[in-house]
PDB file of N, CA and C in Angstrom:
ATOM      1  N   MET A   1      96.825 102.376 128.266  1.00  0.00           N
ATOM      2  CA  MET A   1      96.435 101.193 128.179  1.00  0.00           C
ATOM      3  C   MET A   1      96.970 101.179 126.167  1.00  0.00           C
ATOM      4  N   LYS A   2      97.051  99.797 125.817  1.00  0.00           N
ATOM      5  CA  LYS A   2      97.713  99.800 124.115  1.00  0.00           C
ATOM      6  C   LYS A   2      96.635  99.298 123.942  1.00  0.00           C
ATOM      7  N   LEU A   3      96.120 100.096 122.261  1.00  0.00           N
ATOM      8  CA  LEU A   3      94.936  99.436 121.705  1.00  0.00           C
ATOM      9  C   LEU A   3      94.771  98.215 121.106  1.00  0.00           C
ATOM     10  N   SER A   4      96.084  97.385 120.856  1.00  0.00           N
ATOM     11  CA  SER A   4      95.941  95.868 120.883  1.00  0.00           C
ATOM     12  C   SER A   4      95.459  95.534 121.853  1.00  0.00           C
ATOM     13  N   ILE A   5      95.985  95.471 122.768  1.00  0.00           N
ATOM     14  CA  ILE A   5      95.020  95.273 124.354  1.00  0.00           C
ATOM     15  C   ILE A   5      93.859  95.314 124.568  1.00  0.00           C
ATOM     16  N   PHE A   6      93.275  96.485 124.329  1.00  0.00           N
ATOM     17  CA  PHE A   6      92.040  96.885 124.170  1.00  0.00           C
ATOM     18  C   PHE A   6      90.980  96.192 123.462  1.00  0.00           C
ATOM     19  N   GLN A   7      91.485  95.850 121.835  1.00  0.00           N
ATOM     20  CA  GLN A   7      90.850  95.090 120.904  1.00  0.00           C
ATOM     21  C   GLN A   7      90.391  93.964 121.566  1.00  0.00           C
ATOM     22  N   ASP A   8      91.904  93.664 121.959  1.00  0.00           N
ATOM     23  CA  ASP A   8      91.418  91.883 121.734  1.00  0.00           C
ATOM     24  C   ASP A   8      90.518  91.538 123.563  1.00  0.00           C
ATOM     25  N   ARG A   9      90.368  92.833 123.934  1.00  0.00           N
ATOM     26  CA  ARG A   9      89.079  92.826 125.301  1.00  0.00           C
ATOM     27  C   ARG A   9      87.671  92.875 124.550  1.00  0.00           C
ATOM     28  N   VAL A  10      87.928  93.259 123.713  1.00  0.00           N
ATOM     29  CA  VAL A  10      86.309  93.563 123.300  1.00  0.00           C
ATOM     30  C   VAL A  10      85.652  92.411 122.693  1.00  0.00           C
ATOM     31  N   ASP A  11      84.260  92.460 122.744  1.00  0.00           N
ATOM     32  CA  ASP A  11      83.694  91.478 121.862  1.00  0.00           C
ATOM     33  C   ASP A  11      83.787  91.261 120.482  1.00  0.00           C
ATOM     34  N   PRO A  12      83.981  90.193 119.872  1.00  0.00           N
ATOM     35  CA  PRO A  12      84.001  90.128 118.209  1.00  0.00           C
ATOM     36  C   PRO A  12      83.068  90.578 117.592  1.00  0.00           C
ATOM     37  N   SER A  13      81.943  90.764 118.276  1.00  0.00           N
ATOM     38  CA  SER A  13      80.966  91.302 117.233  1.00  0.00           C
ATOM     39  C   SER A  13      80.823  93.334 117.023  1.00  0.00           C
ATOM     40  N   ARG A  14      81.513  93.264 118.415  1.00  0.00           N
ATOM     41  CA  ARG A  14      81.503  94.459 118.053  1.00  0.00           C
ATOM     42  C   ARG A  14      83.370  95.132 117.347  1.00  0.00           C
ATOM     43  N   ALA A  15      83.768  94.413 116.672  1.00  0.00           N
ATOM     44  CA  ALA A  15      85.145  94.448 115.675  1.00  0.00           C
ATOM     45  C   ALA A  15      84.845  95.741 115.247  1.00  0.00           C
ATOM     46  N   VAL A  16      83.772  96.139 114.571  1.00  0.00           N
ATOM     47  CA  VAL A  16      84.027  97.331 113.526  1.00  0.00           C
ATOM     48  C   VAL A  16      83.886  98.499 114.342  1.00  0.00           C
ATOM     49  N   ALA A  17      83.126  98.482 115.265  1.00  0.00           N
ATOM     50  CA  ALA A  17      83.327  99.865 116.477  1.00  0.00           C
ATOM     51  C   ALA A  17      84.686 100.206 116.914  1.00  0.00           C
ATOM     52  N   VAL A  18      85.369  98.715 116.752  1.00  0.00           N
ATOM     53  CA  VAL A  18      86.609  98.950 117.667  1.00  0.00           C
ATOM     54  C   VAL A  18      87.580  99.444 116.447  1.00  0.00           C
ATOM     55  N   GLN A  19      87.391  99.162 115.419  1.00  0.00           N
ATOM     56  CA  GLN A  19      88.447  99.680 114.167  1.00  0.00           C
ATOM     57  C   GLN A  19      87.762 100.827 113.912  1.00  0.00           C
ATOM     58  N   LEU A  20      86.565 101.409 114.168  1.00  0.00           N
ATOM     59  CA  LEU A  20      86.519 103.046 113.903  1.00  0.00           C
ATOM     60  C   LEU A  20      86.565 103.643 115.333  1.00  0.00           C
ATOM     61  N   LEU A  21      87.008 103.251 116.352  1.00  0.00           N
ATOM     62  CA  LEU A  21      87.337 103.578 117.337  1.00  0.00           C
ATOM     63  C   LEU A  21      89.003 104.042 117.138  1.00  0.00           C
ATOM     64  N   ILE A  22      89.858 103.164 116.295  1.00  0.00           N
ATOM     65  CA  ILE A  22      90.921 103.242 116.030  1.00  0.00           C
ATOM     66  C   ILE A  22      91.577 104.188 115.521  1.00  0.00           C
ATOM     67  N   ALA A  23      90.128 104.188 114.026  1.00  0.00           N
ATOM     68  CA  ALA A  23      90.445 105.448 113.023  1.00  0.00           C
ATOM     69  C   ALA A  23      90.670 106.608 113.884  1.00  0.00           C
ATOM     70  N   TYR A  24      89.472 107.373 114.687  1.00  0.00           N
ATOM     71  CA  TYR A  24      89.164 107.798 115.428  1.00  0.00           C
ATOM     72  C   TYR A  24      90.562 108.210 115.774  1.00  0.00           C
ATOM     73  N   ILE A  25      91.147 107.830 116.805  1.00  0.00           N
ATOM     74  CA  ILE A  25      92.252 107.888 117.712  1.00  0.00           C
ATOM     75  C   ILE A  25      93.696 108.282 116.565  1.00  0.00           C
ATOM     76  N   GLU A  26      93.627 107.486 115.446  1.00  0.00           N
ATOM     77  CA  GLU A  26      94.431 107.790 114.564  1.00  0.00           C
ATOM     78  C   GLU A  26      94.393 109.272 114.204  1.00  0.00           C
ATOM     79  N   ASP A  27      93.564 109.719 113.518  1.00  0.00           N
ATOM     80  CA  ASP A  27      93.289 111.096 113.155  1.00  0.00           C
ATOM     81  C   ASP A  27      93.755 112.169 114.113  1.00  0.00           C
ATOM     82  N   GLY A  28      93.136 111.432 115.231  1.00  0.00           N
ATOM     83  CA  GLY A  28      93.646 112.597 116.036  1.00  0.00           C
ATOM     84  C   GLY A  28      95.289 112.843 116.392  1.00  0.00           C
ATOM     85  N   LEU A  29      95.650 111.610 116.531  1.00  0.00           N
ATOM     86  CA  LEU A  29      97.153 111.561 116.174  1.00  0.00           C
ATOM     87  C   LEU A  29      97.472 112.816 115.058  1.00  0.00           C
ATOM     88  N   ARG A  30      97.203 112.419 113.922  1.00  0.00           N
ATOM     89  CA  ARG A  30      97.610 113.440 113.130  1.00  0.00           C
ATOM     90  C   ARG A  30      97.300 114.763 113.562  1.00  0.00           C
ATOM     91  N   GLU A  31      96.288 115.427 113.785  1.00  0.00           N
ATOM     92  CA  GLU A  31      96.142 116.271 114.360  1.00  0.00           C
ATOM     93  C   GLU A  31      96.695 116.710 114.966  1.00  0.00           C
ATOM     94  N   ILE A  32      97.003 116.170 116.148  1.00  0.00           N
ATOM     95  CA  ILE A  32      97.609 116.988 116.604  1.00  0.00           C
ATOM     96  C   ILE A  32      99.287 116.946 116.248  1.00  0.00           C
ATOM     97  N   GLN A  33      99.914 115.820 115.316  1.00  0.00           N
ATOM     98  CA  GLN A  33     101.073 116.400 114.455  1.00  0.00           C
ATOM     99  C   GLN A  33     101.182 117.799 113.794  1.00  0.00           C
ATOM    100  N   LEU A  34      99.840 117.835 113.358  1.00  0.00           N
ATOM    101  CA  LEU A  34     100.433 118.793 112.619  1.00  0.00           C
ATOM    102  C   LEU A  34      99.895 120.308 113.105  1.00  0.00           C
ATOM    103  N   ILE A  35      99.297 120.035 114.494  1.00  0.00           N
ATOM    104  CA  ILE A  35      99.596 121.424 115.033  1.00  0.00           C
ATOM    105  C   ILE A  35     100.710 121.433 115.956  1.00  0.00           C
ATOM    106  N   THR A  36     101.101 120.480 116.237  1.00  0.00           N
ATOM    107  CA  THR A  36     102.508 120.552 117.256  1.00  0.00           C
ATOM    108  C   THR A  36     103.976 120.345 116.781  1.00  0.00           C
ATOM    109  N   ASP A  37     105.090 121.215 116.576  1.00  0.00           N
ATOM    110  CA  ASP A  37     105.933 120.763 116.104  1.00  0.00           C
ATOM    111  C   ASP A  37     106.944 120.128 116.767  1.00  0.00           C
ATOM    112  N   GLU A  38     106.444 118.916 117.384  1.00  0.00           N
ATOM    113  CA  GLU A  38     107.160 117.524 118.679  1.00  0.00           C
ATOM    114  C   GLU A  38     108.173 117.135 118.251  1.00  0.00           C
ATOM    115  N   ASN A  39     107.714 116.515 116.935  1.00  0.00           N
ATOM    116  CA  ASN A  39     108.907 115.780 116.170  1.00  0.00           C
ATOM    117  C   ASN A  39     109.135 116.337 114.902  1.00  0.00           C
ATOM    118  N   VAL A  40     110.260 117.139 114.775  1.00  0.00           N
ATOM    119  CA  VAL A  40     110.973 117.662 113.201  1.00  0.00           C
ATOM    120  C   VAL A  40     111.904 117.086 113.349  1.00  0.00           C
ATOM    121  N   ALA A  41     112.168 116.699 111.887  1.00  0.00           N
ATOM    122  CA  ALA A  41     113.834 116.021 111.327  1.00  0.00           C
ATOM    123  C   ALA A  41     113.848 117.259 110.326  1.00  0.00           C
ATOM    124  N   ARG A  42     114.781 116.701 109.588  1.00  0.00           N
ATOM    125  CA  ARG A  42     115.888 117.533 108.674  1.00  0.00           C
ATOM    126  C   ARG A  42     116.116 116.450 107.587  1.00  0.00           C
ATOM    127  N   ALA A  43     116.091 116.967 106.410  1.00  0.00           N
ATOM    128  CA  ALA A  43     116.488 115.876 105.282  1.00  0.00           C
ATOM    129  C   ALA A  43     117.021 116.706 104.248  1.00  0.00           C
ATOM    130  N   THR A  44     117.899 116.035 103.632  1.00  0.00           N
ATOM    131  CA  THR A  44     118.577 116.846 102.745  1.00  0.00           C
ATOM    132  C   THR A  44     118.539 115.779 101.279  1.00  0.00           C
ATOM    133  N   THR A  45     119.045 116.024 100.224  1.00  0.00           N
ATOM    134  CA  THR A  45     119.050 115.155  98.758  1.00  0.00           C
ATOM    135  C   THR A  45     119.827 115.692  98.068  1.00  0.00           C
ATOM    136  N   ASP A  46     120.500 114.910  97.083  1.00  0.00           N
ATOM    137  CA  ASP A  46     121.230 115.505  95.826  1.00  0.00           C
ATOM    138  C   ASP A  46     120.325 116.095  94.709  1.00  0.00           C
ATOM    139  N   LEU A  47     120.703 117.072  94.194  1.00  0.00           N
ATOM    140  CA  LEU A  47     119.693 117.682  92.746  1.00  0.00           C
ATOM    141  C   LEU A  47     120.110 116.966  91.859  1.00  0.00           C
ATOM    142  N   VAL A  48     119.075 116.211  90.781  1.00  0.00           N
ATOM    143  CA  VAL A  48     119.355 115.388  89.610  1.00  0.00           C
ATOM    144  C   VAL A  48     119.076 116.241  88.637  1.00  0.00           C
ATOM    145  N   ALA A  49     120.321 116.555  87.551  1.00  0.00           N
ATOM    146  CA  ALA A  49     119.891 117.604  86.460  1.00  0.00           C
ATOM    147  C   ALA A  49     118.420 116.870  85.700  1.00  0.00           C
ATOM    148  N   ASN A  50     117.286 117.668  85.052  1.00  0.00           N
ATOM    149  CA  ASN A  50     116.104 117.279  84.623  1.00  0.00           C
ATOM    150  C   ASN A  50     115.392 116.435  85.204  1.00  0.00           C
ATOM    151  N   GLN A  51     115.556 116.375  86.668  1.00  0.00           N
ATOM    152  CA  GLN A  51     114.495 115.362  87.388  1.00  0.00           C
ATOM    153  C   GLN A  51     113.482 116.689  88.468  1.00  0.00           C
ATOM    154  N   ARG A  52     112.359 116.509  87.741  1.00  0.00           N
ATOM    155  CA  ARG A  52     112.013 117.297  88.437  1.00  0.00           C
ATOM    156  C   ARG A  52     110.856 116.755  89.561  1.00  0.00           C
ATOM    157  N   GLU A  53     110.757 115.575  89.572  1.00  0.00           N
ATOM    158  CA  GLU A  53     109.948 115.443  91.501  1.00  0.00           C
ATOM    159  C   GLU A  53     111.164 114.384  92.030  1.00  0.00           C
ATOM    160  N   TYR A  54     110.931 114.462  93.605  1.00  0.00           N
ATOM    161  CA  TYR A  54     111.784 113.748  94.395  1.00  0.00           C
ATOM    162  C   TYR A  54     110.694 112.950  94.993  1.00  0.00           C
ATOM    163  N   ASP A  55     111.266 111.801  96.018  1.00  0.00           N
ATOM    164  CA  ASP A  55     110.279 110.986  96.809  1.00  0.00           C
ATOM    165  C   ASP A  55     110.557 111.865  98.113  1.00  0.00           C
ATOM    166  N   ILE A  56     109.417 111.772  99.010  1.00  0.00           N
ATOM    167  CA  ILE A  56     109.610 112.495 100.449  1.00  0.00           C
ATOM    168  C   ILE A  56     108.894 110.925 101.149  1.00  0.00           C
ATOM    169  N   PRO A  57     109.889 111.206 102.113  1.00  0.00           N
ATOM    170  CA  PRO A  57     109.401 109.868 103.486  1.00  0.00           C
ATOM    171  C   PRO A  57     108.146 110.507 103.652  1.00  0.00           C
ATOM    172  N   THR A  58     107.602 108.985 103.355  1.00  0.00           N
ATOM    173  CA  THR A  58     106.225 108.647 104.081  1.00  0.00           C
ATOM    174  C   THR A  58     105.561 108.988 105.511  1.00  0.00           C
ATOM    175  N   THR A  59     106.939 108.998 106.393  1.00  0.00           N
ATOM    176  CA  THR A  59     106.523 109.684 107.543  1.00  0.00           C
ATOM    177  C   THR A  59     106.656 111.227 108.002  1.00  0.00           C
ATOM    178  N   CYS A  60     106.748 111.893 106.216  1.00  0.00           N
ATOM    179  CA  CYS A  60     106.093 113.771 106.239  1.00  0.00           C
ATOM    180  C   CYS A  60     104.906 113.755 106.437  1.00  0.00           C
ATOM    181  N   VAL A  61     104.640 114.871 107.871  1.00  0.00           N
ATOM    182  CA  VAL A  61     103.209 114.951 107.838  1.00  0.00           C
ATOM    183  C   VAL A  61     103.113 116.114 107.685  1.00  0.00           C
ATOM    184  N   ARG A  62     104.374 116.788 107.405  1.00  0.00           N
ATOM    185  CA  ARG A  62     104.261 118.525 107.096  1.00  0.00           C
ATOM    186  C   ARG A  62     105.940 119.168 106.458  1.00  0.00           C
ATOM    187  N   MET A  63     105.527 119.820 105.434  1.00  0.00           N
ATOM    188  CA  MET A  63     106.869 119.592 105.405  1.00  0.00           C
ATOM    189  C   MET A  63     106.944 121.826 105.192  1.00  0.00           C
ATOM    190  N   ARG A  64     108.081 121.828 105.977  1.00  0.00           N
ATOM    191  CA  ARG A  64     107.898 123.487 106.364  1.00  0.00           C
ATOM    192  C   ARG A  64     108.776 123.929 105.621  1.00  0.00           C
ATOM    193  N   SER A  65     109.845 123.958 104.651  1.00  0.00           N
ATOM    194  CA  SER A  65     110.390 124.430 104.089  1.00  0.00           C
ATOM    195  C   SER A  65     111.461 123.871 103.284  1.00  0.00           C
ATOM    196  N   VAL A  66     111.759 124.135 101.830  1.00  0.00           N
ATOM    197  CA  VAL A  66     112.440 123.595 100.831  1.00  0.00           C
ATOM    198  C   VAL A  66     113.633 124.774 100.695  1.00  0.00           C
ATOM    199  N   ARG A  67     115.108 124.507 100.765  1.00  0.00           N
ATOM    200  CA  ARG A  67     115.770 125.129 100.371  1.00  0.00           C
ATOM    201  C   ARG A  67     117.081 124.603  99.597  1.00  0.00           C
ATOM    202  N   VAL A  68     117.634 125.319  98.933  1.00  0.00           N
ATOM    203  CA  VAL A  68     118.691 124.823  97.686  1.00  0.00           C
ATOM    204  C   VAL A  68     120.075 125.794  98.290  1.00  0.00           C
ATOM    205  N   LEU A  69     121.276 124.998  98.382  1.00  0.00           N
ATOM    206  CA  LEU A  69     122.630 125.199  98.302  1.00  0.00           C
ATOM    207  C   LEU A  69     123.187 125.962  97.014  1.00  0.00           C
ATOM    208  N   ASP A  70     123.346 127.251  97.278  1.00  0.00           N
ATOM    209  CA  ASP A  70     124.412 127.689  96.270  1.00  0.00           C
ATOM    210  C   ASP A  70     125.288 126.960  95.582  1.00  0.00           C
ATOM    211  N   THR A  71     125.631 127.201  94.320  1.00  0.00           N
ATOM    212  CA  THR A  71     126.767 126.866  93.930  1.00  0.00           C
ATOM    213  C   THR A  71     128.185 126.861  94.731  1.00  0.00           C
ATOM    214  N   ASP A  72     128.360 127.612  95.338  1.00  0.00           N
ATOM    215  CA  ASP A  72     129.730 128.058  96.004  1.00  0.00           C
ATOM    216  C   ASP A  72     129.721 127.264  97.405  1.00  0.00           C
ATOM    217  N   GLY A  73     128.158 126.416  97.376  1.00  0.00           N
ATOM    218  CA  GLY A  73     128.075 126.057  99.084  1.00  0.00           C
ATOM    219  C   GLY A  73     128.292 126.988 100.180  1.00  0.00           C
ATOM    220  N   VAL A  74     127.491 128.019 100.026  1.00  0.00           N
ATOM    221  CA  VAL A  74     128.044 129.350 101.143  1.00  0.00           C
ATOM    222  C   VAL A  74     126.354 128.934 101.775  1.00  0.00           C
ATOM    223  N   LYS A  75     125.160 129.727 100.866  1.00  0.00           N
ATOM    224  CA  LYS A  75     124.446 130.120 101.283  1.00  0.00           C
ATOM    225  C   LYS A  75     123.014 129.196 100.793  1.00  0.00           C
ATOM    226  N   TYR A  76     121.841 129.118 101.686  1.00  0.00           N
ATOM    227  CA  TYR A  76     120.673 128.273 101.621  1.00  0.00           C
ATOM    228  C   TYR A  76     119.828 128.904 100.835  1.00  0.00           C
ATOM    229  N   TYR A  77     119.411 129.175  99.937  1.00  0.00           N
ATOM    230  CA  TYR A  77     117.998 129.721  99.936  1.00  0.00           C
ATOM    231  C   TYR A  77     116.662 129.300  99.338  1.00  0.00           C
ATOM    232  N   PRO A  78     115.699 129.919  99.995  1.00  0.00           N
ATOM    233  CA  PRO A  78     114.191 128.957 100.367  1.00  0.00           C
ATOM    234  C   PRO A  78     113.686 129.006  98.596  1.00  0.00           C
ATOM    235  N   ILE A  79     113.136 127.946  98.637  1.00  0.00           N
ATOM    236  CA  ILE A  79     112.535 128.180  97.557  1.00  0.00           C
ATOM    237  C   ILE A  79     110.482 128.163  97.850  1.00  0.00           C
ATOM    238  N   PRO A  80     110.274 129.321  96.974  1.00  0.00           N
ATOM    239  CA  PRO A  80     108.684 129.871  97.441  1.00  0.00           C
ATOM    240  C   PRO A  80     107.384 128.512  97.186  1.00  0.00           C
ATOM    241  N   ARG A  81     106.492 128.582  97.684  1.00  0.00           N
ATOM    242  CA  ARG A  81     105.397 127.548  97.834  1.00  0.00           C
ATOM    243  C   ARG A  81     104.569 128.006  96.302  1.00  0.00           C
ATOM    244  N   LEU A  82     104.362 126.891  95.635  1.00  0.00           N
ATOM    245  CA  LEU A  82     103.437 127.496  94.523  1.00  0.00           C
ATOM    246  C   LEU A  82     101.926 126.600  95.195  1.00  0.00           C
ATOM    247  N   ILE A  83     101.062 127.552  95.449  1.00  0.00           N
ATOM    248  CA  ILE A  83      99.606 127.136  95.644  1.00  0.00           C
ATOM    249  C   ILE A  83      98.571 127.081  94.486  1.00  0.00           C
ATOM    250  N   GLY A  84      97.655 126.130  94.423  1.00  0.00           N
ATOM    251  CA  GLY A  84      96.394 126.651  93.894  1.00  0.00           C
ATOM    252  C   GLY A  84      97.047 126.885  92.372  1.00  0.00           C
ATOM    253  N   ASP A  85      96.193 127.876  91.466  1.00  0.00           N
ATOM    254  CA  ASP A  85      96.715 127.944  90.141  1.00  0.00           C
ATOM    255  C   ASP A  85      97.728 128.001  89.676  1.00  0.00           C
ATOM    256  N   ALA A  86      98.631 129.136  90.839  1.00  0.00           N
ATOM    257  CA  ALA A  86      99.968 128.930  90.290  1.00  0.00           C
ATOM    258  C   ALA A  86     100.727 127.597  89.897  1.00  0.00           C
ATOM    259  N   ALA A  87     100.600 126.816  90.855  1.00  0.00           N
ATOM    260  CA  ALA A  87     101.578 125.743  90.795  1.00  0.00           C
ATOM    261  C   ALA A  87     100.771 125.078  89.849  1.00  0.00           C
ATOM    262  N   ASP A  88      99.777 125.118  89.298  1.00  0.00           N
ATOM    263  CA  ASP A  88      99.292 124.413  88.104  1.00  0.00           C
ATOM    264  C   ASP A  88     100.257 124.872  86.523  1.00  0.00           C
ATOM    265  N   GLU A  89     100.472 126.387  86.509  1.00  0.00           N
ATOM    266  CA  GLU A  89     101.070 126.890  85.603  1.00  0.00           C
ATOM    267  C   GLU A  89     102.160 126.768  85.413  1.00  0.00           C
ATOM    268  N   VAL A  90     103.250 126.054  86.176  1.00  0.00           N
ATOM    269  CA  VAL A  90     104.466 125.952  86.117  1.00  0.00           C
ATOM    270  C   VAL A  90     104.598 124.540  85.220  1.00  0.00           C
ATOM    271  N   THR A  91     105.264 124.869  83.991  1.00  0.00           N
ATOM    272  CA  THR A  91     105.291 123.309  83.682  1.00  0.00           C
ATOM    273  C   THR A  91     107.031 123.239  83.361  1.00  0.00           C
TER     274      THR A  91
END
């Protein structure tokens, strides 16, 4: 059963409870996406000189790796993750 059908069948006085139920289901689906690698996509972008930040698609749940192609176009080099204080120190 789709959520929209379920929502139509519920008494309007319980609309808040239905919205809460939908929020719990959506949270559960996001949690499943974090655990499994069911829908993996790759994306590429061209680097721009002096640009530090790039847009990430809104559908991205987890980024597994970031790699840069060398100037000869032969090999991809991984960029290490910066977590916590190390990320704050980079300027």
